[in-house]
Amino acid sequence: MLKSLEESELIRRVQDKKDKRLVKIFLTEKGKEKKEMAKKVVRRFNQAVREEIPEEKLKVFFEVAEKINSIIDHKEIYNNNNKTENTNTF
């Protein structure tokens, strides 16, 4: 992933002068511009969502999303063959 970001001139790597094992990663100017553009898009998206969906429904959505993430974090969903187990309880 870092290689493709570097090839796209979005980041640059700088090897530490004291410890050659360490490499610091910095955004280039192009990377900083892309970061700002992405932040603006996310803000516009969030605003559009807030304008269309009532606060109470958003609250429920985030509660459900949080619960789903908790289930994913705490339960084994895949067996050793990376096939989904039958966990359907509906």
PDB file of N, CA and C in Angstrom:
ATOM      1  N   MET A   1       0.825  -1.181   0.000  1.00  0.00           N
ATOM      2  CA  MET A   1       0.000   0.000   0.000  1.00  0.00           C
ATOM      3  C   MET A   1       0.881   1.261   0.000  1.00  0.00           C
ATOM      4  N   LEU A   2       1.901   1.268   0.854  1.00  0.00           N
ATOM      5  CA  LEU A   2       2.773   2.439   0.893  1.00  0.00           C
ATOM      6  C   LEU A   2       3.469   2.656  -0.446  1.00  0.00           C
ATOM      7  N   LYS A   3       3.840   1.553  -1.090  1.00  0.00           N
ATOM      8  CA  LYS A   3       4.515   1.673  -2.380  1.00  0.00           C
ATOM      9  C   LYS A   3       3.633   2.396  -3.398  1.00  0.00           C
ATOM     10  N   SER A   4       2.348   2.027  -3.446  1.00  0.00           N
ATOM     11  CA  SER A   4       1.457   2.673  -4.417  1.00  0.00           C
ATOM     12  C   SER A   4       1.220   4.141  -4.052  1.00  0.00           C
ATOM     13  N   LEU A   5       1.144   4.449  -2.760  1.00  0.00           N
ATOM     14  CA  LEU A   5       0.999   5.857  -2.351  1.00  0.00           C
ATOM     15  C   LEU A   5       2.247   6.655  -2.726  1.00  0.00           C
ATOM     16  N   GLU A   6       3.393   6.023  -2.564  1.00  0.00           N
ATOM     17  CA  GLU A   6       4.650   6.683  -2.925  1.00  0.00           C
ATOM     18  C   GLU A   6       4.748   6.866  -4.445  1.00  0.00           C
ATOM     19  N   GLU A   7       4.357   5.850  -5.197  1.00  0.00           N
ATOM     20  CA  GLU A   7       4.379   5.946  -6.657  1.00  0.00           C
ATOM     21  C   GLU A   7       3.418   7.019  -7.160  1.00  0.00           C
ATOM     22  N   SER A   8       2.336   7.233  -6.418  1.00  0.00           N
ATOM     23  CA  SER A   8       1.368   8.278  -6.776  1.00  0.00           C
ATOM     24  C   SER A   8       1.785   9.648  -6.253  1.00  0.00           C
ATOM     25  N   GLU A   9       2.950   9.688  -5.633  1.00  0.00           N
ATOM     26  CA  GLU A   9       3.522  10.927  -5.085  1.00  0.00           C
ATOM     27  C   GLU A   9       2.635  11.557  -4.011  1.00  0.00           C
ATOM     28  N   LEU A  10       1.970  10.691  -3.224  1.00  0.00           N
ATOM     29  CA  LEU A  10       1.131  11.174  -2.128  1.00  0.00           C
ATOM     30  C   LEU A  10       1.883  11.163  -0.802  1.00  0.00           C
ATOM     31  N   ILE A  11       2.892  10.288  -0.699  1.00  0.00           N
ATOM     32  CA  ILE A  11       3.730  10.232   0.501  1.00  0.00           C
ATOM     33  C   ILE A  11       5.190  10.184   0.092  1.00  0.00           C
ATOM     34  N   ARG A  12       6.051  10.444   1.077  1.00  0.00           N
ATOM     35  CA  ARG A  12       7.485  10.224   0.872  1.00  0.00           C
ATOM     36  C   ARG A  12       8.027   9.549   2.118  1.00  0.00           C
ATOM     37  N   ARG A  13       9.008   8.699   1.917  1.00  0.00           N
ATOM     38  CA  ARG A  13       9.638   7.979   3.026  1.00  0.00           C
ATOM     39  C   ARG A  13      10.988   8.614   3.316  1.00  0.00           C
ATOM     40  N   VAL A  14      11.277   8.751   4.606  1.00  0.00           N
ATOM     41  CA  VAL A  14      12.568   9.296   5.021  1.00  0.00           C
ATOM     42  C   VAL A  14      13.155   8.351   6.062  1.00  0.00           C
ATOM     43  N   GLN A  15      14.336   7.818   5.751  1.00  0.00           N
ATOM     44  CA  GLN A  15      14.984   6.908   6.682  1.00  0.00           C
ATOM     45  C   GLN A  15      15.576   7.700   7.842  1.00  0.00           C
ATOM     46  N   ASP A  16      15.397   7.177   9.062  1.00  0.00           N
ATOM     47  CA  ASP A  16      15.928   7.821  10.254  1.00  0.00           C
ATOM     48  C   ASP A  16      17.454   7.810  10.198  1.00  0.00           C
ATOM     49  N   LYS A  17      18.077   8.935  10.516  1.00  0.00           N
ATOM     50  CA  LYS A  17      19.537   9.042  10.429  1.00  0.00           C
ATOM     51  C   LYS A  17      20.235   8.253  11.529  1.00  0.00           C
ATOM     52  N   LYS A  18      19.620   8.168  12.702  1.00  0.00           N
ATOM     53  CA  LYS A  18      20.246   7.462  13.824  1.00  0.00           C
ATOM     54  C   LYS A  18      19.954   5.965  13.806  1.00  0.00           C
ATOM     55  N   ASP A  19      18.757   5.599  13.412  1.00  0.00           N
ATOM     56  CA  ASP A  19      18.359   4.194  13.403  1.00  0.00           C
ATOM     57  C   ASP A  19      17.837   3.853  12.010  1.00  0.00           C
ATOM     58  N   LYS A  20      18.675   3.236  11.221  1.00  0.00           N
ATOM     59  CA  LYS A  20      18.356   2.953   9.818  1.00  0.00           C
ATOM     60  C   LYS A  20      17.172   1.998   9.661  1.00  0.00           C
ATOM     61  N   ARG A  21      16.774   1.331  10.753  1.00  0.00           N
ATOM     62  CA  ARG A  21      15.610   0.440  10.681  1.00  0.00           C
ATOM     63  C   ARG A  21      14.310   1.228  10.621  1.00  0.00           C
ATOM     64  N   LEU A  22      14.334   2.467  11.072  1.00  0.00           N
ATOM     65  CA  LEU A  22      13.132   3.293  11.123  1.00  0.00           C
ATOM     66  C   LEU A  22      12.964   4.100   9.845  1.00  0.00           C
ATOM     67  N   VAL A  23      11.742   4.147   9.380  1.00  0.00           N
ATOM     68  CA  VAL A  23      11.412   4.957   8.209  1.00  0.00           C
ATOM     69  C   VAL A  23      10.207   5.811   8.571  1.00  0.00           C
ATOM     70  N   LYS A  24      10.350   7.103   8.404  1.00  0.00           N
ATOM     71  CA  LYS A  24       9.243   8.020   8.678  1.00  0.00           C
ATOM     72  C   LYS A  24       8.489   8.269   7.379  1.00  0.00           C
ATOM     73  N   ILE A  25       7.171   8.369   7.505  1.00  0.00           N
ATOM     74  CA  ILE A  25       6.305   8.580   6.348  1.00  0.00           C
ATOM     75  C   ILE A  25       5.696   9.971   6.455  1.00  0.00           C
ATOM     76  N   PHE A  26       5.794  10.742   5.386  1.00  0.00           N
ATOM     77  CA  PHE A  26       5.252  12.100   5.360  1.00  0.00           C
ATOM     78  C   PHE A  26       4.345  12.274   4.149  1.00  0.00           C
ATOM     79  N   LEU A  27       3.308  13.065   4.322  1.00  0.00           N
ATOM     80  CA  LEU A  27       2.482  13.440   3.180  1.00  0.00           C
ATOM     81  C   LEU A  27       3.242  14.456   2.334  1.00  0.00           C
ATOM     82  N   THR A  28       3.156  14.300   1.030  1.00  0.00           N
ATOM     83  CA  THR A  28       3.697  15.316   0.128  1.00  0.00           C
ATOM     84  C   THR A  28       2.661  16.432   0.012  1.00  0.00           C
ATOM     85  N   GLU A  29       3.008  17.489  -0.693  1.00  0.00           N
ATOM     86  CA  GLU A  29       2.019  18.555  -0.924  1.00  0.00           C
ATOM     87  C   GLU A  29       0.794  18.000  -1.643  1.00  0.00           C
ATOM     88  N   LYS A  30       1.040  17.140  -2.624  1.00  0.00           N
ATOM     89  CA  LYS A  30      -0.069  16.505  -3.341  1.00  0.00           C
ATOM     90  C   LYS A  30      -0.910  15.666  -2.377  1.00  0.00           C
ATOM     91  N   GLY A  31      -0.253  14.949  -1.474  1.00  0.00           N
ATOM     92  CA  GLY A  31      -0.956  14.148  -0.478  1.00  0.00           C
ATOM     93  C   GLY A  31      -1.783  15.010   0.460  1.00  0.00           C
ATOM     94  N   LYS A  32      -1.231  16.150   0.858  1.00  0.00           N
ATOM     95  CA  LYS A  32      -1.962  17.077   1.734  1.00  0.00           C
ATOM     96  C   LYS A  32      -3.195  17.640   1.025  1.00  0.00           C
ATOM     97  N   GLU A  33      -3.042  17.942  -0.261  1.00  0.00           N
ATOM     98  CA  GLU A  33      -4.185  18.441  -1.039  1.00  0.00           C
ATOM     99  C   GLU A  33      -5.285  17.384  -1.119  1.00  0.00           C
ATOM    100  N   LYS A  34      -4.895  16.133  -1.388  1.00  0.00           N
ATOM    101  CA  LYS A  34      -5.878  15.037  -1.467  1.00  0.00           C
ATOM    102  C   LYS A  34      -6.567  14.839  -0.120  1.00  0.00           C
ATOM    103  N   LYS A  35      -5.806  14.957   0.960  1.00  0.00           N
ATOM    104  CA  LYS A  35      -6.377  14.808   2.300  1.00  0.00           C
ATOM    105  C   LYS A  35      -7.433  15.874   2.549  1.00  0.00           C
ATOM    106  N   GLU A  36      -7.137  17.118   2.188  1.00  0.00           N
ATOM    107  CA  GLU A  36      -8.103  18.206   2.379  1.00  0.00           C
ATOM    108  C   GLU A  36      -9.344  18.005   1.511  1.00  0.00           C
ATOM    109  N   MET A  37      -9.136  17.550   0.274  1.00  0.00           N
ATOM    110  CA  MET A  37     -10.275  17.277  -0.607  1.00  0.00           C
ATOM    111  C   MET A  37     -11.158  16.188  -0.009  1.00  0.00           C
ATOM    112  N   ALA A  38     -10.543  15.145   0.518  1.00  0.00           N
ATOM    113  CA  ALA A  38     -11.300  14.036   1.113  1.00  0.00           C
ATOM    114  C   ALA A  38     -12.081  14.512   2.330  1.00  0.00           C
ATOM    115  N   LYS A  39     -11.464  15.358   3.153  1.00  0.00           N
ATOM    116  CA  LYS A  39     -12.163  15.889   4.330  1.00  0.00           C
ATOM    117  C   LYS A  39     -13.395  16.681   3.919  1.00  0.00           C
ATOM    118  N   LYS A  40     -13.267  17.472   2.855  1.00  0.00           N
ATOM    119  CA  LYS A  40     -14.404  18.268   2.381  1.00  0.00           C
ATOM    120  C   LYS A  40     -15.531  17.371   1.875  1.00  0.00           C
ATOM    121  N   VAL A  41     -15.181  16.317   1.154  1.00  0.00           N
ATOM    122  CA  VAL A  41     -16.190  15.387   0.644  1.00  0.00           C
ATOM    123  C   VAL A  41     -16.916  14.712   1.806  1.00  0.00           C
ATOM    124  N   VAL A  42     -16.171  14.290   2.807  1.00  0.00           N
ATOM    125  CA  VAL A  42     -16.785  13.636   3.973  1.00  0.00           C
ATOM    126  C   VAL A  42     -17.708  14.605   4.692  1.00  0.00           C
ATOM    127  N   ARG A  43     -17.281  15.846   4.852  1.00  0.00           N
ATOM    128  CA  ARG A  43     -18.138  16.845   5.512  1.00  0.00           C
ATOM    129  C   ARG A  43     -19.432  17.072   4.725  1.00  0.00           C
ATOM    130  N   ARG A  44     -19.326  17.188   3.397  1.00  0.00           N
ATOM    131  CA  ARG A  44     -20.529  17.375   2.571  1.00  0.00           C
ATOM    132  C   ARG A  44     -21.452  16.168   2.669  1.00  0.00           C
ATOM    133  N   PHE A  45     -20.868  14.985   2.645  1.00  0.00           N
ATOM    134  CA  PHE A  45     -21.662  13.764   2.776  1.00  0.00           C
ATOM    135  C   PHE A  45     -22.385  13.740   4.120  1.00  0.00           C
ATOM    136  N   ASN A  46     -21.649  14.008   5.194  1.00  0.00           N
ATOM    137  CA  ASN A  46     -22.261  14.007   6.528  1.00  0.00           C
ATOM    138  C   ASN A  46     -23.386  15.029   6.621  1.00  0.00           C
ATOM    139  N   GLN A  47     -23.184  16.195   6.041  1.00  0.00           N
ATOM    140  CA  GLN A  47     -24.216  17.231   6.069  1.00  0.00           C
ATOM    141  C   GLN A  47     -25.453  16.783   5.286  1.00  0.00           C
ATOM    142  N   ALA A  48     -25.242  16.184   4.122  1.00  0.00           N
ATOM    143  CA  ALA A  48     -26.366  15.703   3.313  1.00  0.00           C
ATOM    144  C   ALA A  48     -27.153  14.638   4.066  1.00  0.00           C
ATOM    145  N   VAL A  49     -26.457  13.748   4.752  1.00  0.00           N
ATOM    146  CA  VAL A  49     -27.133  12.708   5.534  1.00  0.00           C
ATOM    147  C   VAL A  49     -27.953  13.350   6.646  1.00  0.00           C
ATOM    148  N   ARG A  50     -27.343  14.299   7.376  1.00  0.00           N
ATOM    149  CA  ARG A  50     -28.053  14.960   8.483  1.00  0.00           C
ATOM    150  C   ARG A  50     -29.278  15.724   8.003  1.00  0.00           C
ATOM    151  N   GLU A  51     -29.223  16.255   6.795  1.00  0.00           N
ATOM    152  CA  GLU A  51     -30.360  17.004   6.256  1.00  0.00           C
ATOM    153  C   GLU A  51     -31.517  16.080   5.864  1.00  0.00           C
ATOM    154  N   GLU A  52     -31.220  14.849   5.513  1.00  0.00           N
ATOM    155  CA  GLU A  52     -32.234  13.930   5.002  1.00  0.00           C
ATOM    156  C   GLU A  52     -32.757  12.932   6.033  1.00  0.00           C
ATOM    157  N   ILE A  53     -31.965  12.649   7.057  1.00  0.00           N
ATOM    158  CA  ILE A  53     -32.347  11.618   8.027  1.00  0.00           C
ATOM    159  C   ILE A  53     -32.486  12.256   9.406  1.00  0.00           C
ATOM    160  N   PRO A  54     -33.632  12.072  10.048  1.00  0.00           N
ATOM    161  CA  PRO A  54     -33.838  12.655  11.375  1.00  0.00           C
ATOM    162  C   PRO A  54     -32.814  12.150  12.398  1.00  0.00           C
ATOM    163  N   GLU A  55     -32.498  13.007  13.353  1.00  0.00           N
ATOM    164  CA  GLU A  55     -31.504  12.710  14.393  1.00  0.00           C
ATOM    165  C   GLU A  55     -31.777  11.375  15.094  1.00  0.00           C
ATOM    166  N   GLU A  56     -33.031  11.128  15.440  1.00  0.00           N
ATOM    167  CA  GLU A  56     -33.374   9.896  16.169  1.00  0.00           C
ATOM    168  C   GLU A  56     -33.075   8.650  15.336  1.00  0.00           C
ATOM    169  N   LYS A  57     -33.353   8.713  14.030  1.00  0.00           N
ATOM    170  CA  LYS A  57     -33.056   7.562  13.165  1.00  0.00           C
ATOM    171  C   LYS A  57     -31.547   7.360  13.027  1.00  0.00           C
ATOM    172  N   LEU A  58     -30.798   8.443  12.953  1.00  0.00           N
ATOM    173  CA  LEU A  58     -29.340   8.326  12.897  1.00  0.00           C
ATOM    174  C   LEU A  58     -28.805   7.698  14.177  1.00  0.00           C
ATOM    175  N   LYS A  59     -29.377   8.098  15.308  1.00  0.00           N
ATOM    176  CA  LYS A  59     -28.947   7.541  16.590  1.00  0.00           C
ATOM    177  C   LYS A  59     -29.157   6.029  16.598  1.00  0.00           C
ATOM    178  N   VAL A  60     -30.323   5.579  16.147  1.00  0.00           N
ATOM    179  CA  VAL A  60     -30.610   4.139  16.088  1.00  0.00           C
ATOM    180  C   VAL A  60     -29.644   3.451  15.131  1.00  0.00           C
ATOM    181  N   PHE A  61     -29.406   4.059  13.979  1.00  0.00           N
ATOM    182  CA  PHE A  61     -28.471   3.485  13.004  1.00  0.00           C
ATOM    183  C   PHE A  61     -27.094   3.271  13.624  1.00  0.00           C
ATOM    184  N   PHE A  62     -26.575   4.282  14.318  1.00  0.00           N
ATOM    185  CA  PHE A  62     -25.244   4.161  14.912  1.00  0.00           C
ATOM    186  C   PHE A  62     -25.228   3.139  16.043  1.00  0.00           C
ATOM    187  N   GLU A  63     -26.304   3.031  16.791  1.00  0.00           N
ATOM    188  CA  GLU A  63     -26.384   1.999  17.833  1.00  0.00           C
ATOM    189  C   GLU A  63     -26.330   0.606  17.212  1.00  0.00           C
ATOM    190  N   VAL A  64     -27.064   0.411  16.122  1.00  0.00           N
ATOM    191  CA  VAL A  64     -27.062  -0.886  15.438  1.00  0.00           C
ATOM    192  C   VAL A  64     -25.683  -1.163  14.837  1.00  0.00           C
ATOM    193  N   ALA A  65     -25.081  -0.180  14.199  1.00  0.00           N
ATOM    194  CA  ALA A  65     -23.748  -0.356  13.612  1.00  0.00           C
ATOM    195  C   ALA A  65     -22.728  -0.710  14.691  1.00  0.00           C
ATOM    196  N   GLU A  66     -22.820  -0.059  15.839  1.00  0.00           N
ATOM    197  CA  GLU A  66     -21.914  -0.349  16.951  1.00  0.00           C
ATOM    198  C   GLU A  66     -22.109  -1.783  17.442  1.00  0.00           C
ATOM    199  N   LYS A  67     -23.351  -2.221  17.533  1.00  0.00           N
ATOM    200  CA  LYS A  67     -23.640  -3.593  17.966  1.00  0.00           C
ATOM    201  C   LYS A  67     -23.093  -4.602  16.958  1.00  0.00           C
ATOM    202  N   ILE A  68     -23.272  -4.330  15.671  1.00  0.00           N
ATOM    203  CA  ILE A  68     -22.742  -5.224  14.635  1.00  0.00           C
ATOM    204  C   ILE A  68     -21.223  -5.315  14.750  1.00  0.00           C
ATOM    205  N   ASN A  69     -20.553  -4.187  14.929  1.00  0.00           N
ATOM    206  CA  ASN A  69     -19.095  -4.195  15.096  1.00  0.00           C
ATOM    207  C   ASN A  69     -18.687  -4.996  16.321  1.00  0.00           C
ATOM    208  N   SER A  70     -19.441  -4.872  17.391  1.00  0.00           N
ATOM    209  CA  SER A  70     -19.160  -5.633  18.607  1.00  0.00           C
ATOM    210  C   SER A  70     -19.295  -7.130  18.351  1.00  0.00           C
ATOM    211  N   ILE A  71     -20.326  -7.517  17.622  1.00  0.00           N
ATOM    212  CA  ILE A  71     -20.515  -8.931  17.283  1.00  0.00           C
ATOM    213  C   ILE A  71     -19.339  -9.429  16.453  1.00  0.00           C
ATOM    214  N   ILE A  72     -18.932  -8.647  15.487  1.00  0.00           N
ATOM    215  CA  ILE A  72     -17.804  -9.029  14.633  1.00  0.00           C
ATOM    216  C   ILE A  72     -16.539  -9.188  15.469  1.00  0.00           C
ATOM    217  N   ASP A  73     -16.317  -8.270  16.408  1.00  0.00           N
ATOM    218  CA  ASP A  73     -15.118  -8.316  17.242  1.00  0.00           C
ATOM    219  C   ASP A  73     -15.103  -9.503  18.200  1.00  0.00           C
ATOM    220  N   HIS A  74     -16.265  -9.939  18.655  1.00  0.00           N
ATOM    221  CA  HIS A  74     -16.314 -10.919  19.735  1.00  0.00           C
ATOM    222  C   HIS A  74     -16.776 -12.312  19.341  1.00  0.00           C
ATOM    223  N   LYS A  75     -17.148 -12.525  18.108  1.00  0.00           N
ATOM    224  CA  LYS A  75     -17.603 -13.853  17.688  1.00  0.00           C
ATOM    225  C   LYS A  75     -16.819 -14.320  16.480  1.00  0.00           C
ATOM    226  N   GLU A  76     -16.574 -15.623  16.457  1.00  0.00           N
ATOM    227  CA  GLU A  76     -15.905 -16.197  15.294  1.00  0.00           C
ATOM    228  C   GLU A  76     -16.942 -16.379  14.201  1.00  0.00           C
ATOM    229  N   ILE A  77     -16.794 -15.648  13.140  1.00  0.00           N
ATOM    230  CA  ILE A  77     -17.755 -15.689  12.044  1.00  0.00           C
ATOM    231  C   ILE A  77     -17.294 -16.669  10.968  1.00  0.00           C
ATOM    232  N   TYR A  78     -15.988 -16.809  10.833  1.00  0.00           N
ATOM    233  CA  TYR A  78     -15.440 -17.696   9.813  1.00  0.00           C
ATOM    234  C   TYR A  78     -14.797 -18.901  10.478  1.00  0.00           C
ATOM    235  N   ASN A  79     -14.951 -20.076   9.848  1.00  0.00           N
ATOM    236  CA  ASN A  79     -14.234 -21.250  10.344  1.00  0.00           C
ATOM    237  C   ASN A  79     -12.849 -21.265   9.713  1.00  0.00           C
ATOM    238  N   ASN A  80     -12.100 -22.308   9.924  1.00  0.00           N
ATOM    239  CA  ASN A  80     -10.719 -22.371   9.438  1.00  0.00           C
ATOM    240  C   ASN A  80     -10.598 -22.340   7.928  1.00  0.00           C
ATOM    241  N   ASN A  81     -11.648 -22.684   7.211  1.00  0.00           N
ATOM    242  CA  ASN A  81     -11.608 -22.676   5.748  1.00  0.00           C
ATOM    243  C   ASN A  81     -12.063 -21.350   5.161  1.00  0.00           C
ATOM    244  N   ASN A  82     -12.260 -20.342   6.016  1.00  0.00           N
ATOM    245  CA  ASN A  82     -12.734 -19.020   5.611  1.00  0.00           C
ATOM    246  C   ASN A  82     -14.097 -19.061   4.944  1.00  0.00           C
ATOM    247  N   LYS A  83     -14.883 -20.070   5.248  1.00  0.00           N
ATOM    248  CA  LYS A  83     -16.259 -20.132   4.770  1.00  0.00           C
ATOM    249  C   LYS A  83     -17.148 -19.712   5.921  1.00  0.00           C
ATOM    250  N   THR A  84     -18.177 -18.980   5.620  1.00  0.00           N
ATOM    251  CA  THR A  84     -19.053 -18.531   6.690  1.00  0.00           C
ATOM    252  C   THR A  84     -19.781 -19.715   7.294  1.00  0.00           C
ATOM    253  N   GLU A  85     -19.844 -19.704   8.624  1.00  0.00           N
ATOM    254  CA  GLU A  85     -20.595 -20.735   9.323  1.00  0.00           C
ATOM    255  C   GLU A  85     -22.063 -20.358   9.302  1.00  0.00           C
ATOM    256  N   ASN A  86     -22.914 -21.325   9.454  1.00  0.00           N
ATOM    257  CA  ASN A  86     -24.343 -21.055   9.487  1.00  0.00           C
ATOM    258  C   ASN A  86     -24.697 -20.510  10.861  1.00  0.00           C
ATOM    259  N   THR A  87     -24.772 -19.188  10.963  1.00  0.00           N
ATOM    260  CA  THR A  87     -25.125 -18.543  12.228  1.00  0.00           C
ATOM    261  C   THR A  87     -26.483 -17.882  12.125  1.00  0.00           C
ATOM    262  N   ASN A  88     -27.223 -18.212  11.075  1.00  0.00           N
ATOM    263  CA  ASN A  88     -28.532 -17.604  10.859  1.00  0.00           C
ATOM    264  C   ASN A  88     -29.511 -18.100  11.920  1.00  0.00           C
ATOM    265  N   THR A  89     -30.062 -17.165  12.687  1.00  0.00           N
ATOM    266  CA  THR A  89     -31.008 -17.536  13.735  1.00  0.00           C
ATOM    267  C   THR A  89     -32.392 -16.993  13.440  1.00  0.00           C
ATOM    268  N   PHE A  90     -32.606 -16.536  12.217  1.00  0.00           N
ATOM    269  CA  PHE A  90     -33.910 -15.976  11.856  1.00  0.00           C
ATOM    270  C   PHE A  90     -34.919 -17.061  11.639  1.00  0.00           C
TER     271      PHE A  90
END
